[in-house]
N, C-alpha and C. Protein backbone atom coordinates (compact mmCIF):
# COMPACT_ATOMS: atom_id res chain seq x y z
N MET A 1 5.49 82.69 -124.07
CA MET A 1 4.87 83.11 -125.30
C MET A 1 3.70 84.05 -124.97
N PRO A 2 3.63 85.22 -125.62
CA PRO A 2 2.52 86.14 -125.33
C PRO A 2 1.18 85.59 -125.80
N LEU A 3 0.16 85.89 -125.04
CA LEU A 3 -1.20 85.49 -125.39
C LEU A 3 -2.01 86.73 -125.74
N ALA A 4 -2.93 86.59 -126.68
CA ALA A 4 -3.86 87.66 -126.99
C ALA A 4 -5.13 87.40 -126.18
N LEU A 5 -5.41 88.27 -125.23
CA LEU A 5 -6.58 88.09 -124.38
C LEU A 5 -7.86 88.49 -125.11
N ALA A 6 -8.93 87.78 -124.81
CA ALA A 6 -10.25 88.17 -125.30
C ALA A 6 -10.71 89.35 -124.45
N PHE A 7 -11.41 90.30 -125.07
CA PHE A 7 -11.92 91.44 -124.31
C PHE A 7 -13.11 92.05 -125.03
N GLU A 8 -13.87 92.82 -124.28
CA GLU A 8 -14.96 93.62 -124.82
C GLU A 8 -14.60 95.07 -124.54
N ALA A 9 -14.94 95.96 -125.47
CA ALA A 9 -14.71 97.40 -125.28
C ALA A 9 -16.02 98.13 -125.51
N LEU A 10 -16.32 99.07 -124.63
CA LEU A 10 -17.56 99.84 -124.69
C LEU A 10 -17.26 101.33 -124.58
N GLY A 11 -18.07 102.15 -125.23
CA GLY A 11 -18.01 103.59 -125.05
C GLY A 11 -16.81 104.26 -125.68
N SER A 12 -16.70 105.56 -125.37
CA SER A 12 -15.55 106.35 -125.84
C SER A 12 -15.23 107.40 -124.78
N GLY A 13 -13.99 107.82 -124.78
CA GLY A 13 -13.51 108.78 -123.80
C GLY A 13 -12.26 108.26 -123.13
N PRO A 14 -11.92 108.78 -121.96
CA PRO A 14 -10.73 108.31 -121.25
C PRO A 14 -10.86 106.80 -120.95
N PRO A 15 -9.76 106.06 -121.09
CA PRO A 15 -9.83 104.61 -120.90
C PRO A 15 -9.96 104.18 -119.44
N VAL A 16 -10.73 103.12 -119.24
CA VAL A 16 -10.88 102.46 -117.95
C VAL A 16 -10.76 100.96 -118.22
N VAL A 17 -9.92 100.28 -117.45
CA VAL A 17 -9.78 98.82 -117.58
C VAL A 17 -10.31 98.20 -116.29
N ILE A 18 -11.25 97.27 -116.44
CA ILE A 18 -11.82 96.57 -115.28
C ILE A 18 -11.32 95.13 -115.32
N LEU A 19 -10.62 94.73 -114.27
CA LEU A 19 -10.08 93.37 -114.19
C LEU A 19 -10.94 92.54 -113.25
N HIS A 20 -11.39 91.39 -113.73
CA HIS A 20 -12.21 90.50 -112.91
C HIS A 20 -11.35 89.74 -111.92
N GLY A 21 -11.99 89.08 -110.97
CA GLY A 21 -11.30 88.30 -109.97
C GLY A 21 -11.22 86.83 -110.34
N LEU A 22 -10.77 86.04 -109.40
CA LEU A 22 -10.61 84.60 -109.57
C LEU A 22 -11.93 83.96 -109.97
N PHE A 23 -11.89 83.08 -110.94
CA PHE A 23 -13.04 82.35 -111.48
C PHE A 23 -14.01 83.25 -112.24
N GLY A 24 -13.66 84.49 -112.48
CA GLY A 24 -14.55 85.42 -113.16
C GLY A 24 -14.23 85.56 -114.64
N ALA A 25 -14.89 86.53 -115.25
CA ALA A 25 -14.66 86.90 -116.65
C ALA A 25 -15.06 88.36 -116.78
N GLY A 26 -14.57 89.00 -117.82
CA GLY A 26 -14.90 90.40 -118.02
C GLY A 26 -16.39 90.67 -118.04
N ARG A 27 -17.14 89.74 -118.60
CA ARG A 27 -18.60 89.94 -118.71
C ARG A 27 -19.29 90.06 -117.35
N ASN A 28 -18.63 89.63 -116.28
CA ASN A 28 -19.21 89.80 -114.95
C ASN A 28 -19.42 91.27 -114.59
N TRP A 29 -18.72 92.15 -115.29
CA TRP A 29 -18.77 93.59 -115.01
C TRP A 29 -19.54 94.37 -116.06
N THR A 30 -20.27 93.71 -116.94
CA THR A 30 -20.93 94.40 -118.06
C THR A 30 -21.88 95.50 -117.61
N GLN A 31 -22.72 95.26 -116.64
CA GLN A 31 -23.68 96.28 -116.22
C GLN A 31 -22.96 97.52 -115.68
N PHE A 32 -21.96 97.32 -114.87
CA PHE A 32 -21.16 98.42 -114.34
C PHE A 32 -20.44 99.15 -115.47
N ALA A 33 -19.88 98.38 -116.41
CA ALA A 33 -19.15 98.96 -117.54
C ALA A 33 -20.06 99.79 -118.43
N GLN A 34 -21.30 99.36 -118.62
CA GLN A 34 -22.23 100.12 -119.45
C GLN A 34 -22.48 101.50 -118.86
N ALA A 35 -22.58 101.59 -117.56
CA ALA A 35 -22.76 102.90 -116.92
C ALA A 35 -21.51 103.77 -117.11
N LEU A 36 -20.34 103.20 -116.93
CA LEU A 36 -19.09 103.95 -117.13
C LEU A 36 -18.89 104.36 -118.58
N ALA A 37 -19.41 103.55 -119.51
CA ALA A 37 -19.19 103.78 -120.94
C ALA A 37 -19.88 105.05 -121.45
N GLU A 38 -20.74 105.64 -120.65
CA GLU A 38 -21.37 106.90 -121.06
C GLU A 38 -20.32 107.99 -121.22
N ASP A 39 -19.22 107.91 -120.45
CA ASP A 39 -18.18 108.94 -120.50
C ASP A 39 -16.77 108.38 -120.68
N HIS A 40 -16.63 107.07 -120.81
CA HIS A 40 -15.31 106.45 -120.87
C HIS A 40 -15.27 105.34 -121.92
N ARG A 41 -14.06 104.99 -122.33
CA ARG A 41 -13.82 103.78 -123.13
C ARG A 41 -13.49 102.71 -122.10
N VAL A 42 -14.35 101.71 -121.97
CA VAL A 42 -14.20 100.70 -120.92
C VAL A 42 -13.76 99.38 -121.55
N TYR A 43 -12.70 98.81 -121.03
CA TYR A 43 -12.18 97.52 -121.50
C TYR A 43 -12.45 96.46 -120.44
N LEU A 44 -13.00 95.34 -120.89
CA LEU A 44 -13.31 94.20 -120.01
C LEU A 44 -12.55 92.97 -120.51
N PRO A 45 -11.28 92.82 -120.14
CA PRO A 45 -10.53 91.66 -120.60
C PRO A 45 -10.86 90.40 -119.80
N ASP A 46 -10.72 89.26 -120.45
CA ASP A 46 -10.75 87.96 -119.78
C ASP A 46 -9.30 87.57 -119.53
N ALA A 47 -8.93 87.34 -118.28
CA ALA A 47 -7.57 86.93 -117.96
C ALA A 47 -7.26 85.59 -118.61
N ARG A 48 -5.97 85.28 -118.73
CA ARG A 48 -5.60 83.97 -119.30
C ARG A 48 -6.26 82.86 -118.49
N ASN A 49 -6.70 81.84 -119.19
CA ASN A 49 -7.39 80.69 -118.60
C ASN A 49 -8.76 81.05 -118.02
N HIS A 50 -9.34 82.16 -118.43
CA HIS A 50 -10.66 82.60 -117.97
C HIS A 50 -11.49 83.03 -119.18
N GLY A 51 -12.80 82.89 -119.05
CA GLY A 51 -13.71 83.37 -120.10
C GLY A 51 -13.32 82.87 -121.48
N ALA A 52 -13.26 83.79 -122.44
CA ALA A 52 -12.96 83.43 -123.83
C ALA A 52 -11.47 83.55 -124.17
N SER A 53 -10.62 83.87 -123.19
CA SER A 53 -9.18 83.96 -123.45
C SER A 53 -8.57 82.57 -123.55
N PRO A 54 -7.42 82.47 -124.24
CA PRO A 54 -6.81 81.16 -124.43
C PRO A 54 -6.26 80.56 -123.13
N TRP A 55 -6.12 79.26 -123.17
CA TRP A 55 -5.57 78.49 -122.06
C TRP A 55 -4.05 78.48 -122.17
N ALA A 56 -3.38 78.60 -121.04
CA ALA A 56 -1.92 78.50 -120.99
C ALA A 56 -1.55 77.64 -119.79
N GLU A 57 -0.62 76.73 -119.98
CA GLU A 57 -0.18 75.86 -118.89
C GLU A 57 0.46 76.69 -117.77
N SER A 58 1.25 77.67 -118.15
CA SER A 58 1.96 78.48 -117.17
C SER A 58 1.06 79.60 -116.67
N MET A 59 1.07 79.81 -115.35
CA MET A 59 0.21 80.84 -114.75
C MET A 59 0.97 81.66 -113.71
N SER A 60 2.23 82.00 -113.97
CA SER A 60 2.99 82.77 -112.98
C SER A 60 2.45 84.20 -112.90
N TYR A 61 2.68 84.83 -111.78
CA TYR A 61 2.23 86.21 -111.59
C TYR A 61 2.83 87.12 -112.67
N MET A 62 4.11 86.97 -112.94
CA MET A 62 4.78 87.83 -113.93
C MET A 62 4.17 87.63 -115.32
N GLU A 63 3.87 86.40 -115.70
CA GLU A 63 3.27 86.16 -117.01
C GLU A 63 1.87 86.76 -117.09
N ARG A 64 1.09 86.60 -116.05
CA ARG A 64 -0.26 87.18 -116.05
C ARG A 64 -0.19 88.70 -116.12
N ARG A 65 0.71 89.29 -115.37
CA ARG A 65 0.85 90.75 -115.37
C ARG A 65 1.27 91.26 -116.75
N THR A 66 2.25 90.60 -117.36
CA THR A 66 2.74 91.02 -118.67
C THR A 66 1.66 90.86 -119.73
N THR A 67 0.92 89.76 -119.70
CA THR A 67 -0.16 89.54 -120.67
C THR A 67 -1.22 90.62 -120.54
N CYS A 68 -1.60 90.94 -119.35
CA CYS A 68 -2.64 91.95 -119.12
C CYS A 68 -2.17 93.33 -119.56
N ALA A 69 -0.92 93.66 -119.33
CA ALA A 69 -0.39 94.98 -119.67
C ALA A 69 -0.35 95.21 -121.17
N ARG A 70 -0.30 94.15 -121.96
CA ARG A 70 -0.26 94.32 -123.41
C ARG A 70 -1.60 94.74 -123.89
């Protein structure tokens, strides 16, 4: 089942997506994203089971990749 990830978006211009690492959340990159947002539209998603995104029992690589790509 597809999940809708929580994310923050800053700025305008060409898109940039910043993906956090294990145990992180998009907000870990806010300061960096604010600098990029001067010239870009920056997206800071929370991966499934991280930050404000919903919890899912299944955590396969393919499911995580597909969820993020949406």
